[in-house]
Amino acid sequence: MEEDYFKNLSDRERAIFEGGISMGALYHQFVGTPVSIDTCSSLEHAIEESILLQPAVIDVDVSLNKDLIKQSSGTMGYTSLEGNMLNIQITTKINEISVCTCISYMEDLDYPLMYIKD
């Protein structure tokens, strides 16, 4: 049983673990993907659908920074997705415990920060 591998974790710790794994997978899978303002919504949807397949993930909300995508698009009409373009929330649930893991660009840190919201 899968639970045997996580018996040393509380439900909250396990939900945080699953959110962190999903967030890391998302970041390293999608950063670098070619994106344009015209393909932005389909990429948001693809990210949501793929991450929803991960264990314990019950909700994913993806919002890409369309202004930054427009500004970064070159003469060919597209750019590569970067961490500073991501605004994502992943909700994981283990038994009755839900956790929201996020990534968003923090201007004061000049960094796309992954963190636990709730």
Protein backbone atom coordinates (compact mmCIF):
# COMPACT_ATOMS: atom_id res chain seq x y z
CA MET A 1 0.00 0.00 0.00
CA GLU A 2 1.10 3.52 -0.80
CA GLU A 3 0.25 4.68 2.74
CA ASP A 4 2.99 2.44 4.14
CA TYR A 5 5.60 4.69 2.54
CA PHE A 6 4.23 7.83 4.20
CA LYS A 7 3.28 6.57 7.66
CA ASN A 8 5.96 8.79 9.23
CA LEU A 9 4.24 11.94 7.88
CA SER A 10 1.16 13.80 9.08
CA ASP A 11 -1.57 14.42 6.51
CA ARG A 12 -0.45 18.08 6.31
CA GLU A 13 3.17 17.09 5.72
CA ARG A 14 2.10 14.65 3.01
CA ALA A 15 -0.11 17.28 1.33
CA ILE A 16 2.81 19.74 1.39
CA PHE A 17 5.11 17.05 -0.03
CA GLU A 18 2.71 16.27 -2.89
CA GLY A 19 2.26 19.98 -3.64
CA GLY A 20 6.02 20.56 -3.67
CA ILE A 21 6.68 17.60 -5.95
CA SER A 22 3.94 18.77 -8.33
CA MET A 23 5.21 22.36 -8.32
CA GLY A 24 8.79 21.28 -9.03
CA ALA A 25 7.66 18.98 -11.83
CA LEU A 26 5.55 21.76 -13.34
CA TYR A 27 8.36 24.31 -13.21
CA HIS A 28 10.97 22.08 -14.81
CA GLN A 29 8.58 20.63 -17.36
CA PHE A 30 7.13 23.88 -18.70
CA VAL A 31 9.75 26.63 -18.27
CA GLY A 32 11.30 27.05 -21.71
CA THR A 33 8.11 26.16 -23.57
CA PRO A 34 7.51 28.40 -26.59
CA VAL A 35 4.49 30.64 -25.93
CA SER A 36 2.75 33.53 -27.64
CA ILE A 37 -0.18 35.66 -26.64
CA ASP A 38 -2.29 33.51 -28.99
CA THR A 39 -1.23 30.21 -27.36
CA CYS A 40 -1.17 31.45 -23.78
CA SER A 41 -4.61 30.15 -22.76
CA SER A 42 -4.01 26.72 -24.29
CA LEU A 43 -0.69 26.45 -22.43
CA GLU A 44 -2.41 27.45 -19.16
CA HIS A 45 -4.97 24.70 -19.76
CA ALA A 46 -2.30 22.12 -20.66
CA ILE A 47 -0.39 22.88 -17.45
CA GLU A 48 -3.57 22.57 -15.37
CA GLU A 49 -4.60 19.29 -16.99
CA SER A 50 -1.16 17.68 -16.66
CA ILE A 51 -0.69 18.65 -13.01
CA LEU A 52 -4.18 17.42 -12.10
CA LEU A 53 -2.89 13.93 -12.92
CA GLN A 54 -0.44 14.06 -9.99
CA PRO A 55 -1.32 12.21 -6.76
CA ALA A 56 -3.42 14.16 -4.23
CA VAL A 57 -3.84 17.21 -6.52
CA ILE A 58 -7.47 18.33 -6.44
CA ASP A 59 -7.24 21.78 -8.05
CA VAL A 60 -4.82 23.76 -10.21
CA ASP A 61 -5.13 27.42 -11.19
CA VAL A 62 -2.66 28.71 -13.78
CA SER A 63 -2.37 32.32 -14.84
CA LEU A 64 0.52 33.32 -17.08
CA ASN A 65 1.64 36.96 -17.17
CA LYS A 66 0.25 37.96 -20.56
CA ASP A 67 1.77 41.45 -20.40
CA LEU A 68 5.23 39.98 -19.92
CA ILE A 69 4.63 37.44 -22.68
CA LYS A 70 3.65 40.27 -25.05
CA GLN A 71 6.68 42.37 -24.05
CA SER A 72 9.07 39.44 -24.39
CA SER A 73 7.81 38.22 -27.77
CA GLY A 74 10.37 38.81 -30.48
CA THR A 75 10.02 39.40 -34.17
CA MET A 76 8.83 35.81 -34.66
CA GLY A 77 5.82 36.49 -32.39
CA TYR A 78 6.67 34.23 -29.45
CA THR A 79 8.95 33.85 -26.47
CA SER A 80 10.04 31.11 -24.09
CA LEU A 81 8.08 30.70 -20.87
CA GLU A 82 10.09 31.93 -17.88
CA GLY A 83 9.59 31.55 -14.15
CA ASN A 84 8.69 35.22 -13.77
CA MET A 85 5.65 34.64 -16.01
CA LEU A 86 4.09 32.05 -13.68
CA ASN A 87 1.28 32.61 -11.22
CA ILE A 88 0.08 29.17 -10.14
CA GLN A 89 -1.80 27.63 -7.23
CA ILE A 90 -1.95 23.88 -6.64
CA THR A 91 -4.30 22.47 -4.02
CA THR A 92 -3.49 19.04 -2.65
CA LYS A 93 -5.60 17.01 -0.24
CA ILE A 94 -4.74 14.10 1.99
CA ASN A 95 -7.73 12.75 3.90
CA GLU A 96 -9.36 15.90 5.31
CA ILE A 97 -6.29 18.17 5.08
CA SER A 98 -5.90 20.55 2.11
CA VAL A 99 -2.82 22.63 1.33
CA CYS A 100 -2.34 25.35 -1.28
CA THR A 101 1.12 25.51 -2.84
CA CYS A 102 1.93 28.54 -5.01
CA ILE A 103 4.49 30.02 -7.32
CA SER A 104 4.51 33.67 -8.25
CA TYR A 105 7.10 36.22 -9.15
CA MET A 106 8.13 38.35 -6.17
CA GLU A 107 9.44 41.69 -7.37
CA ASP A 108 11.16 42.49 -4.06
CA LEU A 109 13.12 39.22 -4.35
CA ASP A 110 13.44 39.34 -8.17
CA TYR A 111 12.57 35.66 -8.04
CA PRO A 112 9.71 33.25 -8.88
CA LEU A 113 9.06 32.00 -5.33
CA MET A 114 7.42 28.66 -4.50
CA TYR A 115 5.64 28.76 -1.14
CA ILE A 116 2.86 27.28 0.98
CA LYS A 117 -0.11 29.66 1.03
CA ASP A 118 -2.43 27.72 3.39
